[in-house]
Amino acid sequence: MGERRSKVHVLVDILRVIQREGGTAKPTHILYKANLSHKLLKSHLGLLIEKGFVEQREYGGKAHYSITQKGVEFIVEYRKVERLSSAFGLPI
């Protein structure tokens, strides 16, 4: 059985999904592509919004989530940590 993702890894997965969707994504797309339950998605999106990594916007009365510059910068820094960790053979 596979290992569980850390909370930070899940947050980065959400940010990457939004980024791959062109910077804005519907919650359903994020839910499926980041492999999350609805409850976890709401919780994690709330944290990402609170910390300024994601913004919620309404289009046609439906919520969409956009990655902010701070969110993009976080992904860049996280990639550096992933490379460093991989170079030393340590999982993060």
Protein backbone atom coordinates (compact mmCIF):
# COMPACT_ATOMS: atom_id res chain seq x y z
CA MET A 1 0.00 0.00 0.00
CA GLY A 2 1.29 3.48 -0.90
CA GLU A 3 2.35 6.09 1.57
CA ARG A 4 0.07 8.98 2.43
CA ARG A 5 0.91 12.42 1.10
CA SER A 6 1.97 15.04 3.58
CA LYS A 7 -0.25 18.08 4.00
CA VAL A 8 2.30 20.26 2.22
CA HIS A 9 2.45 17.79 -0.67
CA VAL A 10 -1.36 17.92 -1.00
CA LEU A 11 -1.30 21.73 -0.97
CA VAL A 12 1.36 21.76 -3.68
CA ASP A 13 -0.68 19.25 -5.72
CA ILE A 14 -3.66 21.62 -5.56
CA LEU A 15 -1.52 24.57 -6.63
CA ARG A 16 -0.02 22.57 -9.51
CA VAL A 17 -3.47 21.52 -10.73
CA ILE A 18 -4.61 25.13 -10.80
CA GLN A 19 -1.41 26.19 -12.54
CA ARG A 20 -1.74 23.45 -15.20
CA GLU A 21 -5.33 24.53 -15.85
CA GLY A 22 -4.03 27.91 -17.00
CA GLY A 23 -4.00 29.56 -13.59
CA THR A 24 -7.73 29.17 -12.86
CA ALA A 25 -9.65 25.97 -12.15
CA LYS A 26 -13.10 24.82 -11.11
CA PRO A 27 -13.32 22.99 -7.78
CA THR A 28 -14.42 19.74 -9.46
CA HIS A 29 -11.30 19.70 -11.65
CA ILE A 30 -9.09 20.29 -8.63
CA LEU A 31 -10.92 17.61 -6.63
CA TYR A 32 -10.39 14.90 -9.26
CA LYS A 33 -6.91 15.85 -10.44
CA ALA A 34 -5.52 16.28 -6.91
CA ASN A 35 -7.31 13.10 -5.76
CA LEU A 36 -9.12 14.63 -2.79
CA SER A 37 -12.44 14.27 -1.03
CA HIS A 38 -14.79 17.26 -1.09
CA LYS A 39 -14.26 17.85 2.64
CA LEU A 40 -10.45 17.89 2.31
CA LEU A 41 -10.59 20.07 -0.78
CA LYS A 42 -12.67 22.71 1.02
CA SER A 43 -10.35 22.66 4.02
CA HIS A 44 -7.16 22.93 1.95
CA LEU A 45 -8.56 25.61 -0.37
CA GLY A 46 -9.56 27.60 2.70
CA LEU A 47 -6.00 27.47 4.00
CA LEU A 48 -4.52 28.37 0.60
CA ILE A 49 -6.88 31.35 0.33
CA GLU A 50 -6.10 32.44 3.90
CA LYS A 51 -2.35 32.34 3.21
CA GLY A 52 -2.69 34.22 -0.09
CA PHE A 53 -1.67 31.39 -2.45
CA VAL A 54 -5.11 31.14 -4.12
CA GLU A 55 -8.00 33.51 -4.76
CA GLN A 56 -11.64 32.52 -5.16
CA ARG A 57 -13.55 34.17 -8.00
CA GLU A 58 -17.09 33.84 -9.29
CA TYR A 59 -17.77 33.27 -13.00
CA GLY A 60 -21.37 32.76 -14.05
CA GLY A 61 -22.34 32.26 -10.41
CA LYS A 62 -19.84 29.42 -9.95
CA ALA A 63 -16.64 29.39 -7.91
CA HIS A 64 -13.28 29.23 -9.65
CA TYR A 65 -9.89 29.26 -7.97
CA SER A 66 -6.90 31.20 -9.27
CA ILE A 67 -3.30 30.81 -8.24
CA THR A 68 -1.60 34.00 -7.07
CA GLN A 69 1.99 35.07 -7.65
CA LYS A 70 2.73 33.96 -4.09
CA GLY A 71 1.35 30.50 -4.96
CA VAL A 72 3.54 30.29 -8.07
CA GLU A 73 6.59 31.28 -6.02
CA PHE A 74 5.75 28.62 -3.43
CA ILE A 75 5.74 25.93 -6.16
CA VAL A 76 9.15 27.13 -7.39
CA GLU A 77 10.62 26.95 -3.89
CA TYR A 78 9.00 23.57 -3.22
CA ARG A 79 10.62 22.18 -6.39
CA LYS A 80 14.01 23.23 -4.99
CA VAL A 81 13.28 21.32 -1.78
CA GLU A 82 12.18 18.26 -3.83
CA ARG A 83 15.43 18.31 -5.81
CA LEU A 84 17.52 18.69 -2.67
CA SER A 85 15.65 15.88 -0.94
CA SER A 86 16.00 13.61 -3.97
CA ALA A 87 19.73 14.33 -4.25
CA PHE A 88 20.22 13.03 -0.70
CA GLY A 89 17.76 10.16 -1.04
CA LEU A 90 15.36 11.46 1.58
CA PRO A 91 11.61 11.45 1.04
CA ILE A 92 9.69 14.61 1.86
